[in-house]
Amino acid sequence: ADANNLAHLNLVLGITTQAAGVGSPIQVQVSGEMIELSWNWVAGSLIFCGLNGVLTQTPPSTDFLQVVGVAISPTVIWIDIKNPIDLI
């Protein structure tokens, strides 16, 4: 999903667990703890769906805002998908 595309509103189901090419099968985690050693989150801050589906701690100000979780530590998030908010 892309927070800059209102057509993607209500399409966020979870977070992919690995990279994949367009049209390739993926695994999606919909809730709970997720660890990624390359992350560097600010613990205690919300995580949002961002532009081009990139996770971010900066709230998007484009088409919609959607919390996907919270950072537990720099490399661990708790996935908790919230309802999106239409910003238009």
N, C-alpha and C. Protein backbone atom coordinates (compact mmCIF):
# COMPACT_ATOMS: atom_id res chain seq x y z
N ALA A 1 0.84 -1.19 0.00
CA ALA A 1 0.00 0.00 0.00
C ALA A 1 0.88 1.24 0.00
N ASP A 2 0.37 2.29 -0.56
CA ASP A 2 1.09 3.57 -0.65
C ASP A 2 0.21 4.65 -0.03
N ALA A 3 0.70 5.31 1.02
CA ALA A 3 -0.07 6.35 1.70
C ALA A 3 -0.37 7.54 0.81
N ASN A 4 0.24 7.58 -0.37
CA ASN A 4 0.02 8.66 -1.33
C ASN A 4 -0.99 8.26 -2.41
N ASN A 5 -1.70 7.16 -2.18
CA ASN A 5 -2.66 6.67 -3.16
C ASN A 5 -3.95 6.31 -2.44
N LEU A 6 -4.95 7.17 -2.54
CA LEU A 6 -6.21 6.96 -1.82
C LEU A 6 -6.88 5.65 -2.21
N ALA A 7 -6.59 5.13 -3.40
CA ALA A 7 -7.16 3.84 -3.82
C ALA A 7 -6.65 2.69 -2.95
N HIS A 8 -5.56 2.92 -2.22
CA HIS A 8 -5.01 1.88 -1.34
C HIS A 8 -5.60 1.91 0.07
N LEU A 9 -6.47 2.87 0.33
CA LEU A 9 -7.15 2.96 1.62
C LEU A 9 -7.85 1.63 1.91
N ASN A 10 -7.69 1.10 3.10
CA ASN A 10 -8.28 -0.17 3.55
C ASN A 10 -7.63 -1.40 2.92
N LEU A 11 -6.47 -1.27 2.27
CA LEU A 11 -5.80 -2.43 1.69
C LEU A 11 -4.68 -2.99 2.56
N VAL A 12 -4.28 -2.28 3.61
CA VAL A 12 -3.19 -2.75 4.46
C VAL A 12 -3.70 -3.90 5.32
N LEU A 13 -3.07 -5.06 5.15
CA LEU A 13 -3.45 -6.25 5.91
C LEU A 13 -2.41 -6.65 6.93
N GLY A 14 -1.15 -6.26 6.67
CA GLY A 14 -0.05 -6.63 7.54
C GLY A 14 1.25 -6.15 6.94
N ILE A 15 2.36 -6.74 7.37
CA ILE A 15 3.69 -6.36 6.91
C ILE A 15 4.35 -7.60 6.31
N THR A 16 4.93 -7.44 5.14
CA THR A 16 5.62 -8.57 4.52
C THR A 16 6.83 -8.96 5.36
N THR A 17 7.12 -10.24 5.36
CA THR A 17 8.23 -10.74 6.17
C THR A 17 9.53 -10.86 5.38
N GLN A 18 9.47 -10.59 4.07
CA GLN A 18 10.67 -10.62 3.24
C GLN A 18 10.44 -9.80 1.99
N ALA A 19 11.52 -9.46 1.31
CA ALA A 19 11.40 -8.73 0.05
C ALA A 19 10.95 -9.70 -1.05
N ALA A 20 10.25 -9.16 -2.05
CA ALA A 20 9.81 -9.98 -3.18
C ALA A 20 9.56 -9.09 -4.37
N GLY A 21 9.68 -9.64 -5.53
CA GLY A 21 9.40 -8.91 -6.76
C GLY A 21 7.91 -8.85 -7.02
N VAL A 22 7.52 -7.95 -7.90
CA VAL A 22 6.11 -7.80 -8.27
C VAL A 22 5.60 -9.13 -8.82
N GLY A 23 4.46 -9.57 -8.31
CA GLY A 23 3.84 -10.80 -8.78
C GLY A 23 4.36 -12.05 -8.10
N SER A 24 5.38 -11.92 -7.24
CA SER A 24 5.93 -13.07 -6.53
C SER A 24 5.15 -13.32 -5.25
N PRO A 25 5.06 -14.58 -4.82
CA PRO A 25 4.36 -14.86 -3.55
C PRO A 25 5.14 -14.27 -2.37
N ILE A 26 4.39 -13.86 -1.35
CA ILE A 26 4.99 -13.29 -0.15
C ILE A 26 4.31 -13.85 1.09
N GLN A 27 4.95 -13.68 2.22
CA GLN A 27 4.33 -13.99 3.50
C GLN A 27 4.05 -12.67 4.19
N VAL A 28 2.91 -12.58 4.86
CA VAL A 28 2.50 -11.36 5.53
C VAL A 28 2.21 -11.67 6.99
N GLN A 29 2.78 -10.86 7.87
CA GLN A 29 2.49 -10.98 9.29
C GLN A 29 1.45 -9.93 9.64
N VAL A 30 0.35 -10.33 10.27
CA VAL A 30 -0.76 -9.41 10.52
C VAL A 30 -0.80 -8.86 11.94
N SER A 31 -0.06 -9.47 12.85
CA SER A 31 -0.06 -8.96 14.23
C SER A 31 1.14 -9.53 14.98
N GLY A 32 1.38 -8.96 16.14
CA GLY A 32 2.42 -9.48 17.01
C GLY A 32 3.79 -8.88 16.77
N GLU A 33 4.78 -9.49 17.40
CA GLU A 33 6.15 -8.99 17.38
C GLU A 33 6.85 -9.35 16.06
N MET A 34 7.58 -8.37 15.52
CA MET A 34 8.38 -8.59 14.31
C MET A 34 9.76 -8.00 14.55
N ILE A 35 10.79 -8.77 14.23
CA ILE A 35 12.18 -8.34 14.42
C ILE A 35 12.86 -8.21 13.07
N GLU A 36 13.57 -7.11 12.89
CA GLU A 36 14.37 -6.89 11.68
C GLU A 36 15.62 -6.14 12.13
N LEU A 37 16.77 -6.80 12.03
CA LEU A 37 18.01 -6.23 12.56
C LEU A 37 18.48 -4.97 11.84
N SER A 38 17.97 -4.71 10.63
CA SER A 38 18.38 -3.49 9.90
C SER A 38 17.56 -2.26 10.29
N TRP A 39 16.47 -2.45 11.05
CA TRP A 39 15.67 -1.32 11.48
C TRP A 39 16.41 -0.48 12.53
N ASN A 40 15.97 0.77 12.65
CA ASN A 40 16.53 1.65 13.67
C ASN A 40 15.42 2.59 14.16
N TRP A 41 14.37 2.01 14.73
CA TRP A 41 13.21 2.77 15.19
C TRP A 41 13.48 3.48 16.50
N VAL A 42 12.66 4.50 16.77
CA VAL A 42 12.64 5.17 18.07
C VAL A 42 11.62 4.41 18.93
N ALA A 43 12.10 3.74 19.95
CA ALA A 43 11.23 2.93 20.80
C ALA A 43 10.10 3.76 21.39
N GLY A 44 8.91 3.19 21.41
CA GLY A 44 7.74 3.85 21.96
C GLY A 44 6.97 4.70 20.97
N SER A 45 7.50 4.87 19.76
CA SER A 45 6.84 5.70 18.74
C SER A 45 6.03 4.84 17.77
N LEU A 46 4.98 5.44 17.24
CA LEU A 46 4.13 4.75 16.27
C LEU A 46 4.87 4.55 14.96
N ILE A 47 4.43 3.53 14.22
CA ILE A 47 4.95 3.25 12.88
C ILE A 47 3.76 3.30 11.93
N PHE A 48 3.96 3.98 10.79
CA PHE A 48 2.90 4.22 9.82
C PHE A 48 3.23 3.56 8.49
N CYS A 49 2.19 3.31 7.72
CA CYS A 49 2.35 2.97 6.31
C CYS A 49 2.75 4.27 5.62
N GLY A 50 3.84 4.24 4.87
CA GLY A 50 4.33 5.45 4.23
C GLY A 50 4.21 5.40 2.73
N LEU A 51 4.95 6.27 2.08
CA LEU A 51 4.94 6.34 0.63
C LEU A 51 5.57 5.07 0.05
N ASN A 52 4.97 4.55 -1.00
CA ASN A 52 5.44 3.33 -1.66
C ASN A 52 5.50 2.14 -0.72
N GLY A 53 4.70 2.15 0.34
CA GLY A 53 4.64 1.03 1.26
C GLY A 53 5.78 0.94 2.26
N VAL A 54 6.64 1.95 2.28
CA VAL A 54 7.76 1.95 3.22
C VAL A 54 7.26 2.31 4.61
N LEU A 55 7.68 1.56 5.62
CA LEU A 55 7.31 1.88 6.99
C LEU A 55 8.06 3.13 7.43
N THR A 56 7.38 3.96 8.23
CA THR A 56 7.97 5.22 8.67
C THR A 56 7.43 5.60 10.04
N GLN A 57 8.19 6.39 10.77
CA GLN A 57 7.70 6.95 12.03
C GLN A 57 7.27 8.41 11.84
N THR A 58 7.36 8.90 10.62
CA THR A 58 6.87 10.23 10.29
C THR A 58 5.46 10.09 9.73
N PRO A 59 4.45 10.66 10.39
CA PRO A 59 3.09 10.52 9.90
C PRO A 59 2.94 11.11 8.49
N PRO A 60 2.46 10.32 7.54
CA PRO A 60 2.25 10.86 6.19
C PRO A 60 1.19 11.96 6.21
N SER A 61 1.34 12.92 5.33
CA SER A 61 0.37 14.02 5.24
C SER A 61 -0.25 14.06 3.85
N THR A 62 -0.26 12.92 3.19
CA THR A 62 -0.76 12.85 1.81
C THR A 62 -2.20 12.37 1.79
N ASP A 63 -2.48 11.22 1.21
CA ASP A 63 -3.86 10.78 1.03
C ASP A 63 -4.49 10.11 2.25
N PHE A 64 -3.73 9.23 2.92
CA PHE A 64 -4.29 8.62 4.13
C PHE A 64 -3.19 8.33 5.14
N LEU A 65 -3.62 8.20 6.39
CA LEU A 65 -2.74 7.93 7.52
C LEU A 65 -3.16 6.60 8.12
N GLN A 66 -2.19 5.70 8.30
CA GLN A 66 -2.53 4.41 8.90
C GLN A 66 -1.40 3.92 9.79
N VAL A 67 -1.74 3.74 11.06
CA VAL A 67 -0.80 3.16 12.02
C VAL A 67 -0.76 1.66 11.77
N VAL A 68 0.48 1.12 11.68
CA VAL A 68 0.62 -0.33 11.50
C VAL A 68 1.24 -0.99 12.73
N GLY A 69 1.74 -0.17 13.66
CA GLY A 69 2.31 -0.75 14.87
C GLY A 69 3.05 0.29 15.69
N VAL A 70 3.82 -0.22 16.64
CA VAL A 70 4.62 0.63 17.52
C VAL A 70 6.00 -0.01 17.69
N ALA A 71 7.03 0.83 17.79
CA ALA A 71 8.38 0.32 17.99
C ALA A 71 8.56 -0.07 19.46
N ILE A 72 9.01 -1.28 19.68
CA ILE A 72 9.32 -1.75 21.03
C ILE A 72 10.78 -1.44 21.35
N SER A 73 11.61 -1.56 20.35
CA SER A 73 13.04 -1.25 20.46
C SER A 73 13.51 -0.83 19.06
N PRO A 74 14.76 -0.46 18.87
CA PRO A 74 15.19 -0.07 17.53
C PRO A 74 14.99 -1.14 16.46
N THR A 75 15.01 -2.41 16.83
CA THR A 75 14.89 -3.48 15.83
C THR A 75 13.65 -4.35 15.98
N VAL A 76 12.74 -3.96 16.87
CA VAL A 76 11.54 -4.76 17.12
C VAL A 76 10.30 -3.87 17.09
N ILE A 77 9.28 -4.33 16.35
CA ILE A 77 8.00 -3.62 16.36
C ILE A 77 6.90 -4.57 16.80
N TRP A 78 5.82 -3.99 17.30
CA TRP A 78 4.61 -4.74 17.61
C TRP A 78 3.59 -4.34 16.55
N ILE A 79 3.23 -5.28 15.70
CA ILE A 79 2.28 -5.01 14.63
C ILE A 79 0.87 -4.97 15.21
N ASP A 80 0.18 -3.86 14.96
CA ASP A 80 -1.18 -3.66 15.43
C ASP A 80 -1.85 -2.71 14.42
N ILE A 81 -2.38 -3.27 13.35
CA ILE A 81 -2.94 -2.50 12.26
C ILE A 81 -4.21 -1.76 12.72
N LYS A 82 -4.21 -0.45 12.57
CA LYS A 82 -5.37 0.37 12.94
C LYS A 82 -6.15 0.76 11.69
N ASN A 83 -7.35 1.26 11.87
CA ASN A 83 -8.14 1.73 10.75
C ASN A 83 -7.48 2.97 10.14
N PRO A 84 -7.49 3.07 8.82
CA PRO A 84 -6.88 4.23 8.17
C PRO A 84 -7.73 5.49 8.33
N ILE A 85 -7.08 6.64 8.24
CA ILE A 85 -7.76 7.93 8.29
C ILE A 85 -7.56 8.63 6.96
N ASP A 86 -8.63 8.95 6.30
CA ASP A 86 -8.59 9.65 5.00
C ASP A 86 -8.21 11.11 5.27
N LEU A 87 -7.12 11.57 4.66
CA LEU A 87 -6.63 12.93 4.90
C LEU A 87 -7.11 13.92 3.85
N ILE A 88 -7.88 13.46 2.89
CA ILE A 88 -8.34 14.36 1.82
C ILE A 88 -9.72 14.88 2.15
